[in-house]
mmCIF file of all heavy atoms, coordinates in Angstrom:
data_MODEL
# 
_entry.id   MODEL 
# 
loop_
_atom_site.group_PDB 
_atom_site.id 
_atom_site.type_symbol 
_atom_site.label_atom_id 
_atom_site.label_alt_id 
_atom_site.label_comp_id 
_atom_site.label_asym_id 
_atom_site.label_entity_id 
_atom_site.label_seq_id 
_atom_site.pdbx_PDB_ins_code 
_atom_site.Cartn_x 
_atom_site.Cartn_y 
_atom_site.Cartn_z 
_atom_site.occupancy 
_atom_site.B_iso_or_equiv 
_atom_site.pdbx_formal_charge 
_atom_site.auth_seq_id 
_atom_site.auth_comp_id 
_atom_site.auth_asym_id 
_atom_site.auth_atom_id 
_atom_site.pdbx_PDB_model_num 
ATOM 1   N N   . GLU A 1 1  ? 0.856  -1.205  0.005   1.00 0.00 ? 1  GLU A N   1 
ATOM 2   C CA  . GLU A 1 1  ? 0.022  0.033   0.025   1.00 0.00 ? 1  GLU A CA  1 
ATOM 3   C C   . GLU A 1 1  ? 0.878  1.265   -0.003  1.00 0.00 ? 1  GLU A C   1 
ATOM 4   O O   . GLU A 1 1  ? 0.594  2.247   -0.718  1.00 0.00 ? 1  GLU A O   1 
ATOM 5   C CB  . GLU A 1 1  ? -0.908 0.016   1.220   1.00 0.00 ? 1  GLU A CB  1 
ATOM 6   C CG  . GLU A 1 1  ? -2.033 -1.028  1.173   1.00 0.00 ? 1  GLU A CG  1 
ATOM 7   C CD  . GLU A 1 1  ? -2.805 -1.068  2.475   1.00 0.00 ? 1  GLU A CD  1 
ATOM 8   O OE1 . GLU A 1 1  ? -2.618 -0.163  3.318   1.00 0.00 ? 1  GLU A OE1 1 
ATOM 9   O OE2 . GLU A 1 1  ? -3.655 -1.999  2.634   1.00 0.00 ? 1  GLU A OE2 1 
ATOM 10  N N   . ILE A 1 2  ? 1.941  1.224   0.815   1.00 0.00 ? 2  ILE A N   1 
ATOM 11  C CA  . ILE A 1 2  ? 2.832  2.404   0.852   1.00 0.00 ? 2  ILE A CA  1 
ATOM 12  C C   . ILE A 1 2  ? 3.501  2.562   -0.474  1.00 0.00 ? 2  ILE A C   1 
ATOM 13  O O   . ILE A 1 2  ? 3.624  3.684   -0.974  1.00 0.00 ? 2  ILE A O   1 
ATOM 14  C CB  . ILE A 1 2  ? 3.864  2.191   1.990   1.00 0.00 ? 2  ILE A CB  1 
ATOM 15  C CG1 . ILE A 1 2  ? 3.204  2.224   3.349   1.00 0.00 ? 2  ILE A CG1 1 
ATOM 16  C CG2 . ILE A 1 2  ? 4.970  3.232   1.903   1.00 0.00 ? 2  ILE A CG2 1 
ATOM 17  C CD1 . ILE A 1 2  ? 4.101  1.811   4.489   1.00 0.00 ? 2  ILE A CD1 1 
ATOM 18  N N   . ASN A 1 3  ? 3.906  1.489   -1.098  1.00 0.00 ? 3  ASN A N   1 
ATOM 19  C CA  . ASN A 1 3  ? 4.547  1.574   -2.406  1.00 0.00 ? 3  ASN A CA  1 
ATOM 20  C C   . ASN A 1 3  ? 3.557  2.152   -3.443  1.00 0.00 ? 3  ASN A C   1 
ATOM 21  O O   . ASN A 1 3  ? 3.952  2.921   -4.324  1.00 0.00 ? 3  ASN A O   1 
ATOM 22  C CB  . ASN A 1 3  ? 5.053  0.212   -2.819  1.00 0.00 ? 3  ASN A CB  1 
ATOM 23  C CG  . ASN A 1 3  ? 5.607  0.146   -4.228  1.00 0.00 ? 3  ASN A CG  1 
ATOM 24  O OD1 . ASN A 1 3  ? 5.037  -0.456  -5.120  1.00 0.00 ? 3  ASN A OD1 1 
ATOM 25  N ND2 . ASN A 1 3  ? 6.722  0.792   -4.459  1.00 0.00 ? 3  ASN A ND2 1 
ATOM 26  N N   . ASN A 1 4  ? 2.334  1.726   -3.402  1.00 0.00 ? 4  ASN A N   1 
ATOM 27  C CA  . ASN A 1 4  ? 1.310  2.175   -4.362  1.00 0.00 ? 4  ASN A CA  1 
ATOM 28  C C   . ASN A 1 4  ? 1.066  3.672   -4.258  1.00 0.00 ? 4  ASN A C   1 
ATOM 29  O O   . ASN A 1 4  ? 0.543  4.292   -5.204  1.00 0.00 ? 4  ASN A O   1 
ATOM 30  C CB  . ASN A 1 4  ? 0.005  1.426   -4.154  1.00 0.00 ? 4  ASN A CB  1 
ATOM 31  C CG  . ASN A 1 4  ? 0.074  -0.005  -4.589  1.00 0.00 ? 4  ASN A CG  1 
ATOM 32  O OD1 . ASN A 1 4  ? 0.911  -0.368  -5.410  1.00 0.00 ? 4  ASN A OD1 1 
ATOM 33  N ND2 . ASN A 1 4  ? -0.825 -0.840  -4.103  1.00 0.00 ? 4  ASN A ND2 1 
ATOM 34  N N   . GLN A 1 5  ? 1.471  4.297   -3.197  1.00 0.00 ? 5  GLN A N   1 
ATOM 35  C CA  . GLN A 1 5  ? 1.361  5.750   -3.031  1.00 0.00 ? 5  GLN A CA  1 
ATOM 36  C C   . GLN A 1 5  ? 2.557  6.473   -3.667  1.00 0.00 ? 5  GLN A C   1 
ATOM 37  O O   . GLN A 1 5  ? 2.659  7.683   -3.630  1.00 0.00 ? 5  GLN A O   1 
ATOM 38  C CB  . GLN A 1 5  ? 1.275  6.110   -1.539  1.00 0.00 ? 5  GLN A CB  1 
ATOM 39  C CG  . GLN A 1 5  ? 0.017  5.579   -0.830  1.00 0.00 ? 5  GLN A CG  1 
ATOM 40  C CD  . GLN A 1 5  ? 0.123  5.708   0.631   1.00 0.00 ? 5  GLN A CD  1 
ATOM 41  O OE1 . GLN A 1 5  ? 1.090  6.242   1.200   1.00 0.00 ? 5  GLN A OE1 1 
ATOM 42  N NE2 . GLN A 1 5  ? -0.935 5.268   1.315   1.00 0.00 ? 5  GLN A NE2 1 
ATOM 43  N N   . GLY A 1 6  ? 3.460  5.710   -4.258  1.00 0.00 ? 6  GLY A N   1 
ATOM 44  C CA  . GLY A 1 6  ? 4.552  6.319   -4.987  1.00 0.00 ? 6  GLY A CA  1 
ATOM 45  C C   . GLY A 1 6  ? 5.865  6.287   -4.244  1.00 0.00 ? 6  GLY A C   1 
ATOM 46  O O   . GLY A 1 6  ? 6.874  6.866   -4.762  1.00 0.00 ? 6  GLY A O   1 
ATOM 47  N N   . ARG A 1 7  ? 5.959  5.597   -3.120  1.00 0.00 ? 7  ARG A N   1 
ATOM 48  C CA  . ARG A 1 7  ? 7.226  5.556   -2.371  1.00 0.00 ? 7  ARG A CA  1 
ATOM 49  C C   . ARG A 1 7  ? 8.032  4.361   -2.730  1.00 0.00 ? 7  ARG A C   1 
ATOM 50  O O   . ARG A 1 7  ? 7.492  3.245   -3.039  1.00 0.00 ? 7  ARG A O   1 
ATOM 51  C CB  . ARG A 1 7  ? 6.946  5.502   -0.886  1.00 0.00 ? 7  ARG A CB  1 
ATOM 52  C CG  . ARG A 1 7  ? 6.205  6.756   -0.384  1.00 0.00 ? 7  ARG A CG  1 
ATOM 53  C CD  . ARG A 1 7  ? 6.103  6.772   1.106   1.00 0.00 ? 7  ARG A CD  1 
ATOM 54  N NE  . ARG A 1 7  ? 5.092  7.709   1.568   1.00 0.00 ? 7  ARG A NE  1 
ATOM 55  C CZ  . ARG A 1 7  ? 5.234  9.017   1.712   1.00 0.00 ? 7  ARG A CZ  1 
ATOM 56  N NH1 . ARG A 1 7  ? 6.425  9.559   1.452   1.00 0.00 ? 7  ARG A NH1 1 
ATOM 57  N NH2 . ARG A 1 7  ? 4.257  9.748   2.123   1.00 0.00 ? 7  ARG A NH2 1 
ATOM 58  N N   . THR A 1 8  ? 9.342  4.512   -2.792  1.00 0.00 ? 8  THR A N   1 
ATOM 59  C CA  . THR A 1 8  ? 10.275 3.438   -3.112  1.00 0.00 ? 8  THR A CA  1 
ATOM 60  C C   . THR A 1 8  ? 10.669 2.746   -1.771  1.00 0.00 ? 8  THR A C   1 
ATOM 61  O O   . THR A 1 8  ? 10.850 3.413   -0.752  1.00 0.00 ? 8  THR A O   1 
ATOM 62  C CB  . THR A 1 8  ? 11.522 4.022   -3.772  1.00 0.00 ? 8  THR A CB  1 
ATOM 63  O OG1 . THR A 1 8  ? 11.100 4.795   -4.923  1.00 0.00 ? 8  THR A OG1 1 
ATOM 64  C CG2 . THR A 1 8  ? 12.482 2.962   -4.191  1.00 0.00 ? 8  THR A CG2 1 
ATOM 65  N N   . ILE A 1 9  ? 10.807 1.421   -1.802  1.00 0.00 ? 9  ILE A N   1 
ATOM 66  C CA  . ILE A 1 9  ? 11.078 0.666   -0.588  1.00 0.00 ? 9  ILE A CA  1 
ATOM 67  C C   . ILE A 1 9  ? 12.186 -0.373  -0.804  1.00 0.00 ? 9  ILE A C   1 
ATOM 68  O O   . ILE A 1 9  ? 12.191 -1.101  -1.777  1.00 0.00 ? 9  ILE A O   1 
ATOM 69  C CB  . ILE A 1 9  ? 9.772  -0.045  -0.127  1.00 0.00 ? 9  ILE A CB  1 
ATOM 70  C CG1 . ILE A 1 9  ? 8.617  0.961   0.110   1.00 0.00 ? 9  ILE A CG1 1 
ATOM 71  C CG2 . ILE A 1 9  ? 10.055 -0.820  1.199   1.00 0.00 ? 9  ILE A CG2 1 
ATOM 72  C CD1 . ILE A 1 9  ? 7.305  0.363   0.416   1.00 0.00 ? 9  ILE A CD1 1 
ATOM 73  N N   . LEU A 1 10 ? 13.120 -0.332  0.116   1.00 0.00 ? 10 LEU A N   1 
ATOM 74  C CA  . LEU A 1 10 ? 14.249 -1.307  0.135   1.00 0.00 ? 10 LEU A CA  1 
ATOM 75  C C   . LEU A 1 10 ? 14.116 -2.107  1.427   1.00 0.00 ? 10 LEU A C   1 
ATOM 76  O O   . LEU A 1 10 ? 14.061 -1.510  2.548   1.00 0.00 ? 10 LEU A O   1 
ATOM 77  C CB  . LEU A 1 10 ? 15.579 -0.614  0.065   1.00 0.00 ? 10 LEU A CB  1 
ATOM 78  C CG  . LEU A 1 10 ? 16.831 -1.544  0.156   1.00 0.00 ? 10 LEU A CG  1 
ATOM 79  C CD1 . LEU A 1 10 ? 16.855 -2.500  -1.016  1.00 0.00 ? 10 LEU A CD1 1 
ATOM 80  C CD2 . LEU A 1 10 ? 18.106 -0.672  0.156   1.00 0.00 ? 10 LEU A CD2 1 
ATOM 81  N N   . ILE A 1 11 ? 14.045 -3.441  1.321   1.00 0.00 ? 11 ILE A N   1 
ATOM 82  C CA  . ILE A 1 11 ? 13.766 -4.321  2.470   1.00 0.00 ? 11 ILE A CA  1 
ATOM 83  C C   . ILE A 1 11 ? 14.936 -5.294  2.630   1.00 0.00 ? 11 ILE A C   1 
ATOM 84  O O   . ILE A 1 11 ? 15.443 -5.895  1.692   1.00 0.00 ? 11 ILE A O   1 
ATOM 85  C CB  . ILE A 1 11 ? 12.518 -5.109  2.256   1.00 0.00 ? 11 ILE A CB  1 
ATOM 86  C CG1 . ILE A 1 11 ? 11.300 -4.190  1.933   1.00 0.00 ? 11 ILE A CG1 1 
ATOM 87  C CG2 . ILE A 1 11 ? 12.182 -5.987  3.466   1.00 0.00 ? 11 ILE A CG2 1 
ATOM 88  C CD1 . ILE A 1 11 ? 10.065 -4.944  1.475   1.00 0.00 ? 11 ILE A CD1 1 
ATOM 89  N N   . VAL A 1 12 ? 15.306 -5.469  3.900   1.00 0.00 ? 12 VAL A N   1 
ATOM 90  C CA  . VAL A 1 12 ? 16.175 -6.578  4.275   1.00 0.00 ? 12 VAL A CA  1 
ATOM 91  C C   . VAL A 1 12 ? 15.295 -7.553  5.028   1.00 0.00 ? 12 VAL A C   1 
ATOM 92  O O   . VAL A 1 12 ? 14.571 -7.148  5.955   1.00 0.00 ? 12 VAL A O   1 
ATOM 93  C CB  . VAL A 1 12 ? 17.348 -6.135  5.182   1.00 0.00 ? 12 VAL A CB  1 
ATOM 94  C CG1 . VAL A 1 12 ? 17.942 -7.303  5.966   1.00 0.00 ? 12 VAL A CG1 1 
ATOM 95  C CG2 . VAL A 1 12 ? 18.366 -5.381  4.370   1.00 0.00 ? 12 VAL A CG2 1 
ATOM 96  N N   . GLU A 1 13 ? 15.280 -8.821  4.626   1.00 0.00 ? 13 GLU A N   1 
ATOM 97  C CA  . GLU A 1 13 ? 14.259 -9.716  5.218   1.00 0.00 ? 13 GLU A CA  1 
ATOM 98  C C   . GLU A 1 13 ? 14.766 -11.172 5.254   1.00 0.00 ? 13 GLU A C   1 
ATOM 99  O O   . GLU A 1 13 ? 15.326 -11.678 4.329   1.00 0.00 ? 13 GLU A O   1 
ATOM 100 C CB  . GLU A 1 13 ? 12.962 -9.662  4.392   1.00 0.00 ? 13 GLU A CB  1 
ATOM 101 C CG  . GLU A 1 13 ? 11.791 -10.451 4.945   1.00 0.00 ? 13 GLU A CG  1 
ATOM 102 C CD  . GLU A 1 13 ? 11.469 -10.159 6.383   1.00 0.00 ? 13 GLU A CD  1 
ATOM 103 O OE1 . GLU A 1 13 ? 10.942 -9.063  6.671   1.00 0.00 ? 13 GLU A OE1 1 
ATOM 104 O OE2 . GLU A 1 13 ? 11.813 -11.030 7.255   1.00 0.00 ? 13 GLU A OE2 1 
ATOM 105 N N   . GLN A 1 14 ? 14.507 -11.850 6.410   1.00 0.00 ? 14 GLN A N   1 
ATOM 106 C CA  . GLN A 1 14 ? 14.780 -13.269 6.559   1.00 0.00 ? 14 GLN A CA  1 
ATOM 107 C C   . GLN A 1 14 ? 13.636 -14.144 5.953   1.00 0.00 ? 14 GLN A C   1 
ATOM 108 O O   . GLN A 1 14 ? 13.900 -15.220 5.455   1.00 0.00 ? 14 GLN A O   1 
ATOM 109 C CB  . GLN A 1 14 ? 15.003 -13.640 8.013   1.00 0.00 ? 14 GLN A CB  1 
ATOM 110 C CG  . GLN A 1 14 ? 16.354 -13.188 8.586   1.00 0.00 ? 14 GLN A CG  1 
ATOM 111 C CD  . GLN A 1 14 ? 17.500 -13.930 7.995   1.00 0.00 ? 14 GLN A CD  1 
ATOM 112 O OE1 . GLN A 1 14 ? 18.198 -13.425 7.087   1.00 0.00 ? 14 GLN A OE1 1 
ATOM 113 N NE2 . GLN A 1 14 ? 17.735 -15.149 8.445   1.00 0.00 ? 14 GLN A NE2 1 
ATOM 114 N N   . GLU A 1 15 ? 12.424 -13.616 6.038   1.00 0.00 ? 15 GLU A N   1 
ATOM 115 C CA  . GLU A 1 15 ? 11.273 -14.341 5.453   1.00 0.00 ? 15 GLU A CA  1 
ATOM 116 C C   . GLU A 1 15 ? 11.300 -14.073 3.953   1.00 0.00 ? 15 GLU A C   1 
ATOM 117 O O   . GLU A 1 15 ? 10.489 -13.303 3.432   1.00 0.00 ? 15 GLU A O   1 
ATOM 118 C CB  . GLU A 1 15 ? 9.982  -13.877 6.135   1.00 0.00 ? 15 GLU A CB  1 
ATOM 119 C CG  . GLU A 1 15 ? 9.810  -14.241 7.593   1.00 0.00 ? 15 GLU A CG  1 
ATOM 120 C CD  . GLU A 1 15 ? 9.578  -15.737 7.737   1.00 0.00 ? 15 GLU A CD  1 
ATOM 121 O OE1 . GLU A 1 15 ? 9.194  -16.416 6.796   1.00 0.00 ? 15 GLU A OE1 1 
ATOM 122 O OE2 . GLU A 1 15 ? 9.835  -16.221 8.871   1.00 0.00 ? 15 GLU A OE2 1 
ATOM 123 N N   . ALA A 1 16 ? 12.225 -14.740 3.318   1.00 0.00 ? 16 ALA A N   1 
ATOM 124 C CA  . ALA A 1 16 ? 12.490 -14.387 1.897   1.00 0.00 ? 16 ALA A CA  1 
ATOM 125 C C   . ALA A 1 16 ? 11.367 -14.587 0.976   1.00 0.00 ? 16 ALA A C   1 
ATOM 126 O O   . ALA A 1 16 ? 11.082 -13.791 0.054   1.00 0.00 ? 16 ALA A O   1 
ATOM 127 C CB  . ALA A 1 16 ? 13.711 -15.157 1.463   1.00 0.00 ? 16 ALA A CB  1 
ATOM 128 N N   . ARG A 1 17 ? 10.632 -15.684 1.160   1.00 0.00 ? 17 ARG A N   1 
ATOM 129 C CA  . ARG A 1 17 ? 9.528  -15.998 0.206   1.00 0.00 ? 17 ARG A CA  1 
ATOM 130 C C   . ARG A 1 17 ? 8.495  -14.889 0.187   1.00 0.00 ? 17 ARG A C   1 
ATOM 131 O O   . ARG A 1 17 ? 8.133  -14.424 -0.854  1.00 0.00 ? 17 ARG A O   1 
ATOM 132 C CB  . ARG A 1 17 ? 8.848  -17.353 0.610   1.00 0.00 ? 17 ARG A CB  1 
ATOM 133 C CG  . ARG A 1 17 ? 9.615  -18.598 0.199   1.00 0.00 ? 17 ARG A CG  1 
ATOM 134 C CD  . ARG A 1 17 ? 8.781  -19.800 0.477   1.00 0.00 ? 17 ARG A CD  1 
ATOM 135 N NE  . ARG A 1 17 ? 9.527  -20.996 0.280   1.00 0.00 ? 17 ARG A NE  1 
ATOM 136 C CZ  . ARG A 1 17 ? 9.692  -21.593 -0.880  1.00 0.00 ? 17 ARG A CZ  1 
ATOM 137 N NH1 . ARG A 1 17 ? 9.165  -21.042 -1.953  1.00 0.00 ? 17 ARG A NH1 1 
ATOM 138 N NH2 . ARG A 1 17 ? 10.385 -22.711 -0.989  1.00 0.00 ? 17 ARG A NH2 1 
ATOM 139 N N   . ILE A 1 18 ? 8.000  -14.520 1.356   1.00 0.00 ? 18 ILE A N   1 
ATOM 140 C CA  . ILE A 1 18 ? 6.908  -13.539 1.349   1.00 0.00 ? 18 ILE A CA  1 
ATOM 141 C C   . ILE A 1 18 ? 7.419  -12.165 0.951   1.00 0.00 ? 18 ILE A C   1 
ATOM 142 O O   . ILE A 1 18 ? 6.682  -11.430 0.242   1.00 0.00 ? 18 ILE A O   1 
ATOM 143 C CB  . ILE A 1 18 ? 6.203  -13.519 2.725   1.00 0.00 ? 18 ILE A CB  1 
ATOM 144 C CG1 . ILE A 1 18 ? 4.965  -12.653 2.656   1.00 0.00 ? 18 ILE A CG1 1 
ATOM 145 C CG2 . ILE A 1 18 ? 7.127  -12.962 3.802   1.00 0.00 ? 18 ILE A CG2 1 
ATOM 146 C CD1 . ILE A 1 18 ? 4.017  -12.830 3.856   1.00 0.00 ? 18 ILE A CD1 1 
ATOM 147 N N   . ALA A 1 19 ? 8.645  -11.815 1.309   1.00 0.00 ? 19 ALA A N   1 
ATOM 148 C CA  . ALA A 1 19 ? 9.137  -10.529 0.931   1.00 0.00 ? 19 ALA A CA  1 
ATOM 149 C C   . ALA A 1 19 ? 9.311  -10.482 -0.606  1.00 0.00 ? 19 ALA A C   1 
ATOM 150 O O   . ALA A 1 19 ? 8.936  -9.482  -1.240  1.00 0.00 ? 19 ALA A O   1 
ATOM 151 C CB  . ALA A 1 19 ? 10.531 -10.270 1.599   1.00 0.00 ? 19 ALA A CB  1 
ATOM 152 N N   . LEU A 1 20 ? 9.884  -11.521 -1.225  1.00 0.00 ? 20 LEU A N   1 
ATOM 153 C CA  . LEU A 1 20 ? 10.046 -11.496 -2.679  1.00 0.00 ? 20 LEU A CA  1 
ATOM 154 C C   . LEU A 1 20 ? 8.708  -11.523 -3.402  1.00 0.00 ? 20 LEU A C   1 
ATOM 155 O O   . LEU A 1 20 ? 8.507  -10.963 -4.474  1.00 0.00 ? 20 LEU A O   1 
ATOM 156 C CB  . LEU A 1 20 ? 10.887 -12.705 -3.111  1.00 0.00 ? 20 LEU A CB  1 
ATOM 157 C CG  . LEU A 1 20 ? 12.383 -12.608 -2.722  1.00 0.00 ? 20 LEU A CG  1 
ATOM 158 C CD1 . LEU A 1 20 ? 13.058 -13.950 -2.991  1.00 0.00 ? 20 LEU A CD1 1 
ATOM 159 C CD2 . LEU A 1 20 ? 13.114 -11.478 -3.528  1.00 0.00 ? 20 LEU A CD2 1 
ATOM 160 N N   . ALA A 1 21 ? 7.728  -12.200 -2.800  1.00 0.00 ? 21 ALA A N   1 
ATOM 161 C CA  . ALA A 1 21 ? 6.393  -12.282 -3.446  1.00 0.00 ? 21 ALA A CA  1 
ATOM 162 C C   . ALA A 1 21 ? 5.718  -10.910 -3.496  1.00 0.00 ? 21 ALA A C   1 
ATOM 163 O O   . ALA A 1 21 ? 4.803  -10.708 -4.306  1.00 0.00 ? 21 ALA A O   1 
ATOM 164 C CB  . ALA A 1 21 ? 5.529  -13.276 -2.633  1.00 0.00 ? 21 ALA A CB  1 
ATOM 165 N N   . HIS A 1 22 ? 6.193  -9.960  -2.662  1.00 0.00 ? 22 HIS A N   1 
ATOM 166 C CA  . HIS A 1 22 ? 5.616  -8.648  -2.656  1.00 0.00 ? 22 HIS A CA  1 
ATOM 167 C C   . HIS A 1 22 ? 6.612  -7.622  -3.232  1.00 0.00 ? 22 HIS A C   1 
ATOM 168 O O   . HIS A 1 22 ? 6.376  -6.392  -3.064  1.00 0.00 ? 22 HIS A O   1 
ATOM 169 C CB  . HIS A 1 22 ? 5.265  -8.237  -1.238  1.00 0.00 ? 22 HIS A CB  1 
ATOM 170 C CG  . HIS A 1 22 ? 4.077  -8.984  -0.659  1.00 0.00 ? 22 HIS A CG  1 
ATOM 171 N ND1 . HIS A 1 22 ? 4.174  -10.220 -0.092  1.00 0.00 ? 22 HIS A ND1 1 
ATOM 172 C CD2 . HIS A 1 22 ? 2.743  -8.661  -0.651  1.00 0.00 ? 22 HIS A CD2 1 
ATOM 173 C CE1 . HIS A 1 22 ? 2.982  -10.617 0.288   1.00 0.00 ? 22 HIS A CE1 1 
ATOM 174 N NE2 . HIS A 1 22 ? 2.093  -9.707  -0.031  1.00 0.00 ? 22 HIS A NE2 1 
ATOM 175 N N   . SER A 1 23 ? 7.650  -8.075  -3.944  1.00 0.00 ? 23 SER A N   1 
ATOM 176 C CA  . SER A 1 23 ? 8.670  -7.158  -4.435  1.00 0.00 ? 23 SER A CA  1 
ATOM 177 C C   . SER A 1 23 ? 8.739  -7.205  -5.963  1.00 0.00 ? 23 SER A C   1 
ATOM 178 O O   . SER A 1 23 ? 8.260  -8.166  -6.583  1.00 0.00 ? 23 SER A O   1 
ATOM 179 C CB  . SER A 1 23 ? 10.040 -7.591  -3.863  1.00 0.00 ? 23 SER A CB  1 
ATOM 180 O OG  . SER A 1 23 ? 10.029 -7.459  -2.462  1.00 0.00 ? 23 SER A OG  1 
ATOM 181 N N   . HIS A 1 24 ? 9.314  -6.178  -6.531  1.00 0.00 ? 24 HIS A N   1 
ATOM 182 C CA  . HIS A 1 24 ? 9.587  -6.139  -7.940  1.00 0.00 ? 24 HIS A CA  1 
ATOM 183 C C   . HIS A 1 24 ? 10.895 -6.830  -8.311  1.00 0.00 ? 24 HIS A C   1 
ATOM 184 O O   . HIS A 1 24 ? 10.991 -7.590  -9.277  1.00 0.00 ? 24 HIS A O   1 
ATOM 185 C CB  . HIS A 1 24 ? 9.662  -4.694  -8.454  1.00 0.00 ? 24 HIS A CB  1 
ATOM 186 C CG  . HIS A 1 24 ? 8.381  -3.933  -8.205  1.00 0.00 ? 24 HIS A CG  1 
ATOM 187 N ND1 . HIS A 1 24 ? 8.213  -3.049  -7.175  1.00 0.00 ? 24 HIS A ND1 1 
ATOM 188 C CD2 . HIS A 1 24 ? 7.213  -3.940  -8.891  1.00 0.00 ? 24 HIS A CD2 1 
ATOM 189 C CE1 . HIS A 1 24 ? 7.001  -2.525  -7.241  1.00 0.00 ? 24 HIS A CE1 1 
ATOM 190 N NE2 . HIS A 1 24 ? 6.373  -3.050  -8.238  1.00 0.00 ? 24 HIS A NE2 1 
ATOM 191 N N   . ARG A 1 25 ? 11.942 -6.563  -7.524  1.00 0.00 ? 25 ARG A N   1 
ATOM 192 C CA  . ARG A 1 25 ? 13.273 -7.203  -7.777  1.00 0.00 ? 25 ARG A CA  1 
ATOM 193 C C   . ARG A 1 25 ? 13.879 -7.592  -6.459  1.00 0.00 ? 25 ARG A C   1 
ATOM 194 O O   . ARG A 1 25 ? 13.383 -7.198  -5.351  1.00 0.00 ? 25 ARG A O   1 
ATOM 195 C CB  . ARG A 1 25 ? 14.171 -6.210  -8.468  1.00 0.00 ? 25 ARG A CB  1 
ATOM 196 C CG  . ARG A 1 25 ? 13.828 -5.885  -9.883  1.00 0.00 ? 25 ARG A CG  1 
ATOM 197 C CD  . ARG A 1 25 ? 14.921 -5.077  -10.623 1.00 0.00 ? 25 ARG A CD  1 
ATOM 198 N NE  . ARG A 1 25 ? 15.258 -3.906  -9.870  1.00 0.00 ? 25 ARG A NE  1 
ATOM 199 C CZ  . ARG A 1 25 ? 16.415 -3.665  -9.238  1.00 0.00 ? 25 ARG A CZ  1 
ATOM 200 N NH1 . ARG A 1 25 ? 17.316 -4.642  -9.223  1.00 0.00 ? 25 ARG A NH1 1 
ATOM 201 N NH2 . ARG A 1 25 ? 16.642 -2.553  -8.621  1.00 0.00 ? 25 ARG A NH2 1 
ATOM 202 N N   . GLY A 1 26 ? 14.923 -8.420  -6.559  1.00 0.00 ? 26 GLY A N   1 
ATOM 203 C CA  . GLY A 1 26 ? 15.623 -8.852  -5.360  1.00 0.00 ? 26 GLY A CA  1 
ATOM 204 C C   . GLY A 1 26 ? 17.095 -9.003  -5.576  1.00 0.00 ? 26 GLY A C   1 
ATOM 205 O O   . GLY A 1 26 ? 17.607 -9.095  -6.713  1.00 0.00 ? 26 GLY A O   1 
ATOM 206 N N   . TYR A 1 27 ? 17.815 -8.963  -4.470  1.00 0.00 ? 27 TYR A N   1 
ATOM 207 C CA  . TYR A 1 27 ? 19.246 -9.248  -4.418  1.00 0.00 ? 27 TYR A CA  1 
ATOM 208 C C   . TYR A 1 27 ? 19.540 -10.357 -3.450  1.00 0.00 ? 27 TYR A C   1 
ATOM 209 O O   . TYR A 1 27 ? 18.949 -10.424 -2.396  1.00 0.00 ? 27 TYR A O   1 
ATOM 210 C CB  . TYR A 1 27 ? 20.013 -7.991  -3.991  1.00 0.00 ? 27 TYR A CB  1 
ATOM 211 C CG  . TYR A 1 27 ? 20.165 -6.900  -5.058  1.00 0.00 ? 27 TYR A CG  1 
ATOM 212 C CD1 . TYR A 1 27 ? 19.078 -6.043  -5.252  1.00 0.00 ? 27 TYR A CD1 1 
ATOM 213 C CD2 . TYR A 1 27 ? 21.291 -6.755  -5.866  1.00 0.00 ? 27 TYR A CD2 1 
ATOM 214 C CE1 . TYR A 1 27 ? 19.136 -5.040  -6.209  1.00 0.00 ? 27 TYR A CE1 1 
ATOM 215 C CE2 . TYR A 1 27 ? 21.388 -5.771  -6.792  1.00 0.00 ? 27 TYR A CE2 1 
ATOM 216 C CZ  . TYR A 1 27 ? 20.315 -4.921  -6.975  1.00 0.00 ? 27 TYR A CZ  1 
ATOM 217 O OH  . TYR A 1 27 ? 20.436 -3.954  -7.926  1.00 0.00 ? 27 TYR A OH  1 
# 
């Protein structure tokens, strides 16, 4: 929802599956 408002988001996450499922790209 925050991203849909036009904000860019960078996440560090151990729950990799769910984070990637909600992301455009990953490292």
